[in-house]
Amino acid sequence: MSLDDRVQSILKSEVIWDAHSGFMPDPAADLNNLRIWRDAGVDYLSIDVGFDLLPWEKTVATLAYFRHWILARPADYALVSSTDEILAAKAQGKLAVTFDIEGMNALNGRIEMVEFYHHLGVRQMLFAYNRNNLAGGGCHDDDTGLTAFGRQVIDEMNRLGMFVDVSHTGYRTTMDVMEYTDRPVIFSHSNPKALCAHGRNITDEQIKACARTGGIIGVVGLNRFLGEGRTDSERLADHVEYLIDLAGPRHVGIGLDYAFPVEVEGIEDIISSNPHFWPKNEYPEGKTTYSTPGQTQELIEVLLRRGQPERTVRDVMGGNFMRLAREIWK
């Protein structure tokens, strides 16, 4: 079978999974841009509806609007709650969607908000977005570790069937979370520090601890976190292969964190005007660039050409996250 035939076979039969969107969680977002993922052959996307810089009320408003928009377009999109529904959406040519929240500020200090968000389609929440909050510490803060409230949140997320996500979270808190929980933990969009020494990236110790829980690390496609100013598919593959070698092929996925091109300037303004969330030494002036969903096919080609087994490539592109969702989601 030719390389192109092998690529097309993977795209046709495997659920291609992107574990995190990077466009602004705002009711003003132009969700017509979701066609970027559909056109690229992505089958499932976790859409960010809030992060810790934003008030919890804004997260609720965004979630309400995003749900309404998606549910009004059943020919093209499916708001799903199970892997069976993801498979059905793929068979019908639809983009399957759930939501995620970056940080526990969206809970407003109330544990019952976890179930509220779960009922509305949120299937993963990460602990902190760069800065400390009531649940734990952020990666750009004096990490205080997992708190009593954070342990309650983990228990509730495990009960409900949600991905416990520790991207953007401080080292101590991530290790505390992975020690405390009895369910797999994910880094939905984080890269190895060994290849790019950015404060948002994660150490080999964190990567191996995640794998020990049975979890997954999703490679993120921003130049700041990929290193060398690059976002090309060869550089993405470098990070994928590093994680495969260190954690094993069952613990690697993709979480591109892709933002709409029309939004990039606005996102840069938010970063530059909030140095407490994005420290200047970690986020110097300069344009953030993104790997695109349109690189999906090329990334598959690169990994196969480099000699990765087809089963491994299938798992990285979606099989691993599908397996974990079957195990965890309720």
C-alpha atoms as a PDB file:
ATOM      1  CA  MET A   1       0.000   0.000   0.000  1.00  0.00           C
ATOM      2  CA  SER A   2       1.363   3.438  -0.918  1.00  0.00           C
ATOM      3  CA  LEU A   3       2.043   6.117   1.696  1.00  0.00           C
ATOM      4  CA  ASP A   4      -0.909   8.166   0.465  1.00  0.00           C
ATOM      5  CA  ASP A   5      -3.211   5.128   0.671  1.00  0.00           C
ATOM      6  CA  ARG A   6      -2.085   4.492   4.247  1.00  0.00           C
ATOM      7  CA  VAL A   7      -2.730   8.138   5.164  1.00  0.00           C
ATOM      8  CA  GLN A   8      -6.192   8.094   3.611  1.00  0.00           C
ATOM      9  CA  SER A   9      -7.006   4.843   5.370  1.00  0.00           C
ATOM     10  CA  ILE A  10      -6.178   6.418   8.742  1.00  0.00           C
ATOM     11  CA  LEU A  11      -8.195   9.545   7.986  1.00  0.00           C
ATOM     12  CA  LYS A  12     -11.172   7.467   6.861  1.00  0.00           C
ATOM     13  CA  SER A  13     -11.286   4.875   9.631  1.00  0.00           C
ATOM     14  CA  GLU A  14      -9.764   6.582  12.698  1.00  0.00           C
ATOM     15  CA  VAL A  15     -11.406   9.316  14.752  1.00  0.00           C
ATOM     16  CA  ILE A  16      -9.071  12.309  14.358  1.00  0.00           C
ATOM     17  CA  TRP A  17      -9.103  14.027  17.753  1.00  0.00           C
ATOM     18  CA  ASP A  18      -8.039  17.589  18.637  1.00  0.00           C
ATOM     19  CA  ALA A  19      -8.091  17.889  22.428  1.00  0.00           C
ATOM     20  CA  HIS A  20      -8.287  21.690  22.695  1.00  0.00           C
ATOM     21  CA  SER A  21      -9.219  24.762  20.648  1.00  0.00           C
ATOM     22  CA  GLY A  22      -7.358  28.046  21.070  1.00  0.00           C
ATOM     23  CA  PHE A  23      -9.794  30.644  19.774  1.00  0.00           C
ATOM     24  CA  MET A  24     -11.201  33.222  22.181  1.00  0.00           C
ATOM     25  CA  PRO A  25     -14.002  31.872  24.410  1.00  0.00           C
ATOM     26  CA  ASP A  26     -16.438  34.680  23.795  1.00  0.00           C
ATOM     27  CA  PRO A  27     -20.038  34.919  22.548  1.00  0.00           C
ATOM     28  CA  ALA A  28     -18.666  37.219  19.841  1.00  0.00           C
ATOM     29  CA  ALA A  29     -16.579  34.401  18.320  1.00  0.00           C
ATOM     30  CA  ASP A  30     -17.437  33.575  14.714  1.00  0.00           C
ATOM     31  CA  LEU A  31     -18.119  29.865  15.008  1.00  0.00           C
ATOM     32  CA  ASN A  32     -18.432  29.545  11.239  1.00  0.00           C
ATOM     33  CA  ASN A  33     -14.661  29.094  11.515  1.00  0.00           C
ATOM     34  CA  LEU A  34     -15.258  25.626  12.933  1.00  0.00           C
ATOM     35  CA  ARG A  35     -15.358  24.562   9.305  1.00  0.00           C
ATOM     36  CA  ILE A  36     -11.539  24.848   9.424  1.00  0.00           C
ATOM     37  CA  TRP A  37     -11.505  21.632  11.476  1.00  0.00           C
ATOM     38  CA  ARG A  38     -14.208  19.937   9.395  1.00  0.00           C
ATOM     39  CA  ASP A  39     -12.439  20.734   6.142  1.00  0.00           C
ATOM     40  CA  ALA A  40      -9.168  19.391   7.582  1.00  0.00           C
ATOM     41  CA  GLY A  41     -10.675  15.993   8.354  1.00  0.00           C
ATOM     42  CA  VAL A  42     -10.765  16.460  12.123  1.00  0.00           C
ATOM     43  CA  ASP A  43     -13.624  14.433  13.611  1.00  0.00           C
ATOM     44  CA  TYR A  44     -13.692  15.645  17.224  1.00  0.00           C
ATOM     45  CA  LEU A  45     -12.793  18.959  18.860  1.00  0.00           C
ATOM     46  CA  SER A  46     -12.860  20.023  22.506  1.00  0.00           C
ATOM     47  CA  ILE A  47     -13.845  23.705  22.442  1.00  0.00           C
ATOM     48  CA  ASP A  48     -12.574  26.019  25.157  1.00  0.00           C
ATOM     49  CA  VAL A  49     -15.363  28.056  26.757  1.00  0.00           C
ATOM     50  CA  GLY A  50     -13.412  29.873  29.477  1.00  0.00           C
ATOM     51  CA  PHE A  51     -10.139  30.416  31.292  1.00  0.00           C
ATOM     52  CA  ASP A  52      -9.139  31.822  34.675  1.00  0.00           C
ATOM     53  CA  LEU A  53      -8.579  35.395  33.507  1.00  0.00           C
ATOM     54  CA  LEU A  54     -12.292  35.660  32.687  1.00  0.00           C
ATOM     55  CA  PRO A  55     -15.100  35.947  35.272  1.00  0.00           C
ATOM     56  CA  TRP A  56     -17.161  32.788  35.712  1.00  0.00           C
ATOM     57  CA  GLU A  57     -20.257  34.584  34.417  1.00  0.00           C
ATOM     58  CA  LYS A  58     -18.501  35.073  31.062  1.00  0.00           C
ATOM     59  CA  THR A  59     -17.815  31.335  30.882  1.00  0.00           C
ATOM     60  CA  VAL A  60     -21.507  30.577  31.418  1.00  0.00           C
ATOM     61  CA  ALA A  61     -22.541  33.107  28.752  1.00  0.00           C
ATOM     62  CA  THR A  62     -20.011  31.691  26.272  1.00  0.00           C
ATOM     63  CA  LEU A  63     -21.098  28.135  26.953  1.00  0.00           C
ATOM     64  CA  ALA A  64     -24.745  29.080  26.431  1.00  0.00           C
ATOM     65  CA  TYR A  65     -24.000  30.746  23.099  1.00  0.00           C
ATOM     66  CA  PHE A  66     -21.689  28.003  21.794  1.00  0.00           C
ATOM     67  CA  ARG A  67     -24.261  25.313  22.683  1.00  0.00           C
ATOM     68  CA  HIS A  68     -27.036  27.248  20.978  1.00  0.00           C
ATOM     69  CA  TRP A  69     -24.996  27.801  17.801  1.00  0.00           C
ATOM     70  CA  ILE A  70     -23.895  24.172  17.488  1.00  0.00           C
ATOM     71  CA  LEU A  71     -27.307  22.679  18.251  1.00  0.00           C
ATOM     72  CA  ALA A  72     -28.857  24.926  15.594  1.00  0.00           C
ATOM     73  CA  ARG A  73     -26.637  23.296  12.908  1.00  0.00           C
ATOM     74  CA  PRO A  74     -27.246  19.539  13.229  1.00  0.00           C
ATOM     75  CA  ALA A  75     -26.267  18.871   9.616  1.00  0.00           C
ATOM     76  CA  ASP A  76     -22.651  19.832  10.263  1.00  0.00           C
ATOM     77  CA  TYR A  77     -21.991  19.595  14.027  1.00  0.00           C
ATOM     78  CA  ALA A  78     -22.897  17.262  16.876  1.00  0.00           C
ATOM     79  CA  LEU A  79     -22.712  18.085  20.575  1.00  0.00           C
ATOM     80  CA  VAL A  80     -21.747  14.664  21.940  1.00  0.00           C
ATOM     81  CA  SER A  81     -21.518  12.973  25.324  1.00  0.00           C
ATOM     82  CA  SER A  82     -20.107   9.545  24.436  1.00  0.00           C
ATOM     83  CA  THR A  83     -17.671   7.864  22.083  1.00  0.00           C
ATOM     84  CA  ASP A  84     -20.579   6.113  20.345  1.00  0.00           C
ATOM     85  CA  GLU A  85     -21.965   9.554  19.486  1.00  0.00           C
ATOM     86  CA  ILE A  86     -18.538  10.604  18.180  1.00  0.00           C
ATOM     87  CA  LEU A  87     -18.452   7.569  15.890  1.00  0.00           C
ATOM     88  CA  ALA A  88     -21.987   8.318  14.685  1.00  0.00           C
ATOM     89  CA  ALA A  89     -21.030  11.935  13.964  1.00  0.00           C
ATOM     90  CA  LYS A  90     -17.984  10.841  11.958  1.00  0.00           C
ATOM     91  CA  ALA A  91     -20.098   8.427   9.934  1.00  0.00           C
ATOM     92  CA  GLN A  92     -22.432  11.307   9.084  1.00  0.00           C
ATOM     93  CA  GLY A  93     -19.618  13.718   8.178  1.00  0.00           C
ATOM     94  CA  LYS A  94     -20.160  15.940  11.219  1.00  0.00           C
ATOM     95  CA  LEU A  95     -17.635  17.515  13.568  1.00  0.00           C
ATOM     96  CA  ALA A  96     -18.235  16.095  17.060  1.00  0.00           C
ATOM     97  CA  VAL A  97     -17.854  18.639  19.859  1.00  0.00           C
ATOM     98  CA  THR A  98     -17.585  18.792  23.634  1.00  0.00           C
ATOM     99  CA  PHE A  99     -16.359  21.703  25.765  1.00  0.00           C
ATOM    100  CA  ASP A 100     -13.483  22.355  28.134  1.00  0.00           C
ATOM    101  CA  ILE A 101     -12.680  24.990  30.757  1.00  0.00           C
ATOM    102  CA  GLU A 102      -9.154  26.184  31.543  1.00  0.00           C
ATOM    103  CA  GLY A 103      -8.982  26.647  35.295  1.00  0.00           C
ATOM    104  CA  MET A 104     -11.201  26.323  38.338  1.00  0.00           C
ATOM    105  CA  ASN A 105     -12.140  30.002  38.710  1.00  0.00           C
ATOM    106  CA  ALA A 106     -15.174  29.100  36.609  1.00  0.00           C
ATOM    107  CA  LEU A 107     -16.494  27.143  39.604  1.00  0.00           C
ATOM    108  CA  ASN A 108     -16.800  30.321  41.687  1.00  0.00           C
ATOM    109  CA  GLY A 109     -15.651  28.303  44.715  1.00  0.00           C
ATOM    110  CA  ARG A 110     -18.686  25.988  44.492  1.00  0.00           C
ATOM    111  CA  ILE A 111     -18.248  22.271  43.969  1.00  0.00           C
ATOM    112  CA  GLU A 112     -21.759  21.830  42.534  1.00  0.00           C
ATOM    113  CA  MET A 113     -20.703  23.886  39.505  1.00  0.00           C
ATOM    114  CA  VAL A 114     -18.716  20.882  38.252  1.00  0.00           C
ATOM    115  CA  GLU A 115     -21.929  18.913  37.701  1.00  0.00           C
ATOM    116  CA  PHE A 116     -23.602  21.986  36.203  1.00  0.00           C
ATOM    117  CA  TYR A 117     -20.891  22.265  33.564  1.00  0.00           C
ATOM    118  CA  HIS A 118     -20.880  18.521  32.940  1.00  0.00           C
ATOM    119  CA  HIS A 119     -24.615  18.606  32.166  1.00  0.00           C
ATOM    120  CA  LEU A 120     -23.943  21.356  29.613  1.00  0.00           C
ATOM    121  CA  GLY A 121     -21.323  19.371  27.705  1.00  0.00           C
ATOM    122  CA  VAL A 122     -18.018  20.119  29.473  1.00  0.00           C
ATOM    123  CA  ARG A 123     -15.926  16.946  29.470  1.00  0.00           C
ATOM    124  CA  GLN A 124     -12.564  18.263  30.637  1.00  0.00           C
ATOM    125  CA  MET A 125     -11.404  20.925  33.073  1.00  0.00           C
ATOM    126  CA  LEU A 126      -7.850  21.919  33.864  1.00  0.00           C
ATOM    127  CA  PHE A 127      -6.765  23.001  37.276  1.00  0.00           C
ATOM    128  CA  ALA A 128      -5.171  26.381  36.817  1.00  0.00           C
ATOM    129  CA  TYR A 129      -4.533  28.745  33.935  1.00  0.00           C
ATOM    130  CA  ASN A 130      -0.969  29.995  34.538  1.00  0.00           C
ATOM    131  CA  ARG A 131      -1.846  31.561  37.921  1.00  0.00           C
ATOM    132  CA  ASN A 132      -2.892  30.064  41.259  1.00  0.00           C
ATOM    133  CA  ASN A 133      -6.561  29.625  42.110  1.00  0.00           C
ATOM    134  CA  LEU A 134      -8.648  27.953  44.815  1.00  0.00           C
ATOM    135  CA  ALA A 135      -7.893  24.465  43.471  1.00  0.00           C
ATOM    136  CA  GLY A 136      -4.138  24.637  42.902  1.00  0.00           C
ATOM    137  CA  GLY A 137      -1.134  26.378  41.420  1.00  0.00           C
ATOM    138  CA  GLY A 138      -0.372  27.691  37.952  1.00  0.00           C
ATOM    139  CA  CYS A 139       2.740  27.221  35.841  1.00  0.00           C
ATOM    140  CA  HIS A 140       3.609  30.960  35.950  1.00  0.00           C
ATOM    141  CA  ASP A 141       3.034  31.460  39.672  1.00  0.00           C
ATOM    142  CA  ASP A 142       4.472  30.454  43.040  1.00  0.00           C
ATOM    143  CA  ASP A 143       2.826  27.047  42.850  1.00  0.00           C
ATOM    144  CA  THR A 144       1.008  26.305  46.098  1.00  0.00           C
ATOM    145  CA  GLY A 145       0.110  22.703  45.262  1.00  0.00           C
ATOM    146  CA  LEU A 146      -3.223  20.899  45.239  1.00  0.00           C
ATOM    147  CA  THR A 147      -5.652  22.316  47.801  1.00  0.00           C
ATOM    148  CA  ALA A 148      -8.468  20.704  49.785  1.00  0.00           C
ATOM    149  CA  PHE A 149     -10.932  22.266  47.351  1.00  0.00           C
ATOM    150  CA  GLY A 150      -8.896  20.847  44.480  1.00  0.00           C
ATOM    151  CA  ARG A 151      -9.178  17.351  45.948  1.00  0.00           C
ATOM    152  CA  GLN A 152     -12.950  17.792  46.170  1.00  0.00           C
ATOM    153  CA  VAL A 153     -12.997  18.841  42.512  1.00  0.00           C
ATOM    154  CA  ILE A 154     -11.048  15.739  41.467  1.00  0.00           C
ATOM    155  CA  ASP A 155     -13.443  13.491  43.390  1.00  0.00           C
ATOM    156  CA  GLU A 156     -16.413  15.163  41.708  1.00  0.00           C
ATOM    157  CA  MET A 157     -14.894  15.031  38.222  1.00  0.00           C
ATOM    158  CA  ASN A 158     -14.075  11.351  38.691  1.00  0.00           C
ATOM    159  CA  ARG A 159     -17.634  10.679  39.863  1.00  0.00           C
ATOM    160  CA  LEU A 160     -19.158  12.451  36.875  1.00  0.00           C
ATOM    161  CA  GLY A 161     -16.747  11.101  34.266  1.00  0.00           C
ATOM    162  CA  MET A 162     -14.620  14.058  33.124  1.00  0.00           C
ATOM    163  CA  PHE A 163     -11.006  14.364  32.008  1.00  0.00           C
ATOM    164  CA  VAL A 164      -8.868  15.817  34.804  1.00  0.00           C
ATOM    165  CA  ASP A 165      -6.552  18.144  32.850  1.00  0.00           C
ATOM    166  CA  VAL A 166      -3.314  19.675  34.153  1.00  0.00           C
ATOM    167  CA  SER A 167      -2.047  21.753  31.217  1.00  0.00           C
ATOM    168  CA  HIS A 168      -1.091  25.312  32.267  1.00  0.00           C
ATOM    169  CA  THR A 169      -0.778  23.985  35.839  1.00  0.00           C
ATOM    170  CA  GLY A 170       2.259  24.289  38.117  1.00  0.00           C
ATOM    171  CA  TYR A 171       4.691  21.396  38.542  1.00  0.00           C
ATOM    172  CA  ARG A 172       3.877  20.727  42.193  1.00  0.00           C
ATOM    173  CA  THR A 173       0.131  20.795  41.608  1.00  0.00           C
ATOM    174  CA  THR A 174       0.331  18.473  38.594  1.00  0.00           C
ATOM    175  CA  MET A 175       2.318  15.951  40.612  1.00  0.00           C
ATOM    176  CA  ASP A 176      -0.114  16.263  43.533  1.00  0.00           C
ATOM    177  CA  VAL A 177      -3.084  15.735  41.220  1.00  0.00           C
ATOM    178  CA  MET A 178      -1.544  12.669  39.601  1.00  0.00           C
ATOM    179  CA  GLU A 179      -0.722  11.191  43.007  1.00  0.00           C
ATOM    180  CA  TYR A 180      -4.184  11.880  44.459  1.00  0.00           C
ATOM    181  CA  THR A 181      -6.522  10.750  41.691  1.00  0.00           C
ATOM    182  CA  ASP A 182      -7.341   7.129  40.984  1.00  0.00           C
ATOM    183  CA  ARG A 183      -8.227   7.890  37.355  1.00  0.00           C
ATOM    184  CA  PRO A 184      -6.046   8.789  34.351  1.00  0.00           C
ATOM    185  CA  VAL A 185      -4.957  12.434  34.073  1.00  0.00           C
ATOM    186  CA  ILE A 186      -4.324  14.330  30.833  1.00  0.00           C
ATOM    187  CA  PHE A 187      -2.181  17.218  29.667  1.00  0.00           C
ATOM    188  CA  SER A 188      -4.567  18.221  26.872  1.00  0.00           C
ATOM    189  CA  HIS A 189      -2.092  20.627  25.241  1.00  0.00           C
ATOM    190  CA  SER A 190       1.465  20.603  26.619  1.00  0.00           C
ATOM    191  CA  ASN A 191       4.882  19.937  25.115  1.00  0.00           C
ATOM    192  CA  PRO A 192       8.102  18.459  26.547  1.00  0.00           C
ATOM    193  CA  LYS A 193      10.466  20.965  28.135  1.00  0.00           C
ATOM    194  CA  ALA A 194      13.395  18.910  26.894  1.00  0.00           C
ATOM    195  CA  LEU A 195      12.677  20.155  23.352  1.00  0.00           C
ATOM    196  CA  CYS A 196      11.565  23.702  24.259  1.00  0.00           C
ATOM    197  CA  ALA A 197      12.442  25.148  27.675  1.00  0.00           C
ATOM    198  CA  HIS A 198       9.326  27.273  28.130  1.00  0.00           C
ATOM    199  CA  GLY A 199       7.601  27.627  31.499  1.00  0.00           C
ATOM    200  CA  ARG A 200       4.358  26.320  29.995  1.00  0.00           C
ATOM    201  CA  ASN A 201       5.986  23.073  28.894  1.00  0.00           C
ATOM    202  CA  ILE A 202       6.402  20.022  31.098  1.00  0.00           C
ATOM    203  CA  THR A 203       9.303  18.002  32.451  1.00  0.00           C
ATOM    204  CA  ASP A 204      10.143  14.376  31.755  1.00  0.00           C
ATOM    205  CA  GLU A 205       9.061  13.589  35.315  1.00  0.00           C
ATOM    206  CA  GLN A 206       5.599  15.051  34.695  1.00  0.00           C
ATOM    207  CA  ILE A 207       5.317  13.173  31.399  1.00  0.00           C
ATOM    208  CA  LYS A 208       6.207   9.831  32.966  1.00  0.00           C
ATOM    209  CA  ALA A 209       3.893  10.450  35.929  1.00  0.00           C
ATOM    210  CA  CYS A 210       1.023  11.158  33.511  1.00  0.00           C
ATOM    211  CA  ALA A 211       1.693   7.904  31.678  1.00  0.00           C
ATOM    212  CA  ARG A 212       1.709   6.005  34.974  1.00  0.00           C
ATOM    213  CA  THR A 213      -1.854   7.212  35.638  1.00  0.00           C
ATOM    214  CA  GLY A 214      -2.850   5.862  32.233  1.00  0.00           C
ATOM    215  CA  GLY A 215      -3.206   9.391  30.876  1.00  0.00           C
ATOM    216  CA  ILE A 216      -2.304  11.212  27.668  1.00  0.00           C
ATOM    217  CA  ILE A 217      -0.156  14.213  26.713  1.00  0.00           C
ATOM    218  CA  GLY A 218      -1.498  16.212  23.751  1.00  0.00           C
ATOM    219  CA  VAL A 219       1.090  18.015  21.618  1.00  0.00           C
ATOM    220  CA  VAL A 220       0.318  21.735  21.275  1.00  0.00           C
ATOM    221  CA  GLY A 221       1.002  23.594  18.026  1.00  0.00           C
ATOM    222  CA  LEU A 222       2.179  27.079  19.081  1.00  0.00           C
ATOM    223  CA  ASN A 223       5.603  28.324  18.042  1.00  0.00           C
ATOM    224  CA  ARG A 224       6.289  29.491  21.609  1.00  0.00           C
ATOM    225  CA  PHE A 225       5.937  25.926  22.892  1.00  0.00           C
ATOM    226  CA  LEU A 226       7.303  24.011  19.906  1.00  0.00           C
ATOM    227  CA  GLY A 227      10.558  25.978  19.877  1.00  0.00           C
ATOM    228  CA  GLU A 228      12.817  27.310  17.113  1.00  0.00           C
ATOM    229  CA  GLY A 229       9.981  29.613  16.044  1.00  0.00           C
ATOM    230  CA  ARG A 230       8.469  26.712  14.135  1.00  0.00           C
ATOM    231  CA  THR A 231       4.974  25.311  13.650  1.00  0.00           C
ATOM    232  CA  ASP A 232       5.637  22.969  10.720  1.00  0.00           C
ATOM    233  CA  SER A 233       4.611  19.323  10.780  1.00  0.00           C
ATOM    234  CA  GLU A 234       8.192  18.087  11.091  1.00  0.00           C
ATOM    235  CA  ARG A 235       8.523  20.043  14.346  1.00  0.00           C
ATOM    236  CA  LEU A 236       5.190  18.716  15.606  1.00  0.00           C
ATOM    237  CA  ALA A 237       6.459  15.220  14.829  1.00  0.00           C
ATOM    238  CA  ASP A 238       9.646  15.892  16.836  1.00  0.00           C
ATOM    239  CA  HIS A 239       7.526  16.478  19.937  1.00  0.00           C
ATOM    240  CA  VAL A 240       5.238  13.539  19.194  1.00  0.00           C
ATOM    241  CA  GLU A 241       8.194  11.173  18.830  1.00  0.00           C
ATOM    242  CA  TYR A 242       9.901  12.455  21.972  1.00  0.00           C
ATOM    243  CA  LEU A 243       6.733  11.692  23.942  1.00  0.00           C
ATOM    244  CA  ILE A 244       6.351   8.277  22.283  1.00  0.00           C
ATOM    245  CA  ASP A 245       9.908   7.368  23.267  1.00  0.00           C
ATOM    246  CA  LEU A 246       9.515   8.614  26.841  1.00  0.00           C
ATOM    247  CA  ALA A 247       5.911   7.776  27.752  1.00  0.00           C
ATOM    248  CA  GLY A 248       4.979   5.089  25.245  1.00  0.00           C
ATOM    249  CA  PRO A 249       2.724   5.231  22.178  1.00  0.00           C
ATOM    250  CA  ARG A 250      -0.503   4.788  24.190  1.00  0.00           C
ATOM    251  CA  HIS A 251       0.030   8.069  26.032  1.00  0.00           C
ATOM    252  CA  VAL A 252       0.380  10.632  23.218  1.00  0.00           C
ATOM    253  CA  GLY A 253      -2.216  12.683  21.368  1.00  0.00           C
ATOM    254  CA  ILE A 254      -2.839  16.044  19.713  1.00  0.00           C
ATOM    255  CA  GLY A 255      -4.233  19.255  21.258  1.00  0.00           C
ATOM    256  CA  LEU A 256      -3.311  21.988  18.795  1.00  0.00           C
ATOM    257  CA  ASP A 257      -4.728  25.031  20.670  1.00  0.00           C
ATOM    258  CA  TYR A 258      -5.416  26.598  17.269  1.00  0.00           C
ATOM    259  CA  ALA A 259      -6.859  30.127  17.081  1.00  0.00           C
ATOM    260  CA  PHE A 260      -8.722  31.665  14.135  1.00  0.00           C
ATOM    261  CA  PRO A 261      -6.336  33.834  12.058  1.00  0.00           C
ATOM    262  CA  VAL A 262      -8.634  36.849  12.445  1.00  0.00           C
ATOM    263  CA  GLU A 263      -8.305  36.598  16.230  1.00  0.00           C
ATOM    264  CA  VAL A 264      -4.535  36.400  16.564  1.00  0.00           C
ATOM    265  CA  GLU A 265      -3.988  40.160  16.921  1.00  0.00           C
ATOM    266  CA  GLY A 266      -6.632  40.391  19.639  1.00  0.00           C
ATOM    267  CA  ILE A 267      -5.110  37.460  21.507  1.00  0.00           C
ATOM    268  CA  GLU A 268      -1.704  39.135  21.338  1.00  0.00           C
ATOM    269  CA  ASP A 269      -3.237  42.275  22.877  1.00  0.00           C
ATOM    270  CA  ILE A 270      -4.678  40.235  25.748  1.00  0.00           C
ATOM    271  CA  ILE A 271      -1.310  38.587  26.390  1.00  0.00           C
ATOM    272  CA  SER A 272       0.633  41.858  26.363  1.00  0.00           C
ATOM    273  CA  SER A 273      -1.867  43.650  28.621  1.00  0.00           C
ATOM    274  CA  ASN A 274      -1.970  40.899  31.267  1.00  0.00           C
ATOM    275  CA  PRO A 275       1.670  40.200  32.203  1.00  0.00           C
ATOM    276  CA  HIS A 276       0.605  38.587  35.485  1.00  0.00           C
ATOM    277  CA  PHE A 277      -0.914  35.760  33.427  1.00  0.00           C
ATOM    278  CA  TRP A 278       1.675  35.845  30.627  1.00  0.00           C
ATOM    279  CA  PRO A 279       5.027  37.048  32.059  1.00  0.00           C
ATOM    280  CA  LYS A 280       7.042  39.193  29.669  1.00  0.00           C
ATOM    281  CA  ASN A 281      10.132  37.005  30.032  1.00  0.00           C
ATOM    282  CA  GLU A 282       8.122  33.967  28.897  1.00  0.00           C
ATOM    283  CA  TYR A 283       6.033  35.794  26.275  1.00  0.00           C
ATOM    284  CA  PRO A 284       8.296  38.423  24.693  1.00  0.00           C
ATOM    285  CA  GLU A 285       7.013  40.706  21.987  1.00  0.00           C
ATOM    286  CA  GLY A 286       6.567  38.826  18.755  1.00  0.00           C
ATOM    287  CA  LYS A 287       3.800  37.143  16.888  1.00  0.00           C
ATOM    288  CA  THR A 288       2.406  33.839  18.078  1.00  0.00           C
ATOM    289  CA  THR A 289       2.023  31.423  15.186  1.00  0.00           C
ATOM    290  CA  TYR A 290       0.028  28.211  15.079  1.00  0.00           C
ATOM    291  CA  SER A 291       0.093  24.765  13.581  1.00  0.00           C
ATOM    292  CA  THR A 292      -3.198  24.430  11.759  1.00  0.00           C
ATOM    293  CA  PRO A 293      -5.800  21.647  11.657  1.00  0.00           C
ATOM    294  CA  GLY A 294      -5.001  21.564   7.944  1.00  0.00           C
ATOM    295  CA  GLN A 295      -1.643  19.953   8.806  1.00  0.00           C
ATOM    296  CA  THR A 296      -3.386  16.798  10.020  1.00  0.00           C
ATOM    297  CA  GLN A 297      -2.746  14.797   6.857  1.00  0.00           C
ATOM    298  CA  GLU A 298       0.830  16.016   6.579  1.00  0.00           C
ATOM    299  CA  LEU A 299       1.578  15.078  10.198  1.00  0.00           C
ATOM    300  CA  ILE A 300       0.327  11.560   9.546  1.00  0.00           C
ATOM    301  CA  GLU A 301       2.569  11.392   6.466  1.00  0.00           C
ATOM    302  CA  VAL A 302       5.616  12.603   8.410  1.00  0.00           C
ATOM    303  CA  LEU A 303       5.135  10.091  11.223  1.00  0.00           C
ATOM    304  CA  LEU A 304       4.667   7.193   8.810  1.00  0.00           C
ATOM    305  CA  ARG A 305       7.652   8.281   6.721  1.00  0.00           C
ATOM    306  CA  ARG A 306       9.780   8.379   9.870  1.00  0.00           C
ATOM    307  CA  GLY A 307       8.937   4.732  10.445  1.00  0.00           C
ATOM    308  CA  GLN A 308       6.303   4.973  13.142  1.00  0.00           C
ATOM    309  CA  PRO A 309       4.032   1.906  13.075  1.00  0.00           C
ATOM    310  CA  GLU A 310       0.576   2.547  11.649  1.00  0.00           C
ATOM    311  CA  ARG A 311      -1.040   1.494  14.955  1.00  0.00           C
ATOM    312  CA  THR A 312       1.024   4.104  16.788  1.00  0.00           C
ATOM    313  CA  VAL A 313       0.061   6.845  14.325  1.00  0.00           C
ATOM    314  CA  ARG A 314      -3.602   5.903  14.628  1.00  0.00           C
ATOM    315  CA  ASP A 315      -3.384   6.068  18.409  1.00  0.00           C
ATOM    316  CA  VAL A 316      -1.635   9.455  18.405  1.00  0.00           C
ATOM    317  CA  MET A 317      -4.103  10.995  15.958  1.00  0.00           C
ATOM    318  CA  GLY A 318      -7.126   9.959  18.011  1.00  0.00           C
ATOM    319  CA  GLY A 319      -7.165   6.351  19.102  1.00  0.00           C
ATOM    320  CA  ASN A 320      -5.651   7.064  22.506  1.00  0.00           C
ATOM    321  CA  PHE A 321      -8.118   9.802  23.421  1.00  0.00           C
ATOM    322  CA  MET A 322     -11.019   7.684  22.142  1.00  0.00           C
ATOM    323  CA  ARG A 323      -9.894   4.795  24.345  1.00  0.00           C
ATOM    324  CA  LEU A 324      -9.599   7.053  27.381  1.00  0.00           C
ATOM    325  CA  ALA A 325     -12.984   8.682  26.740  1.00  0.00           C
ATOM    326  CA  ARG A 326     -14.585   5.226  26.626  1.00  0.00           C
ATOM    327  CA  GLU A 327     -12.989   4.528  29.994  1.00  0.00           C
ATOM    328  CA  ILE A 328     -13.787   7.823  31.743  1.00  0.00           C
ATOM    329  CA  TRP A 329     -16.765   9.629  30.224  1.00  0.00           C
ATOM    330  CA  LYS A 330     -20.220   8.985  31.669  1.00  0.00           C
END
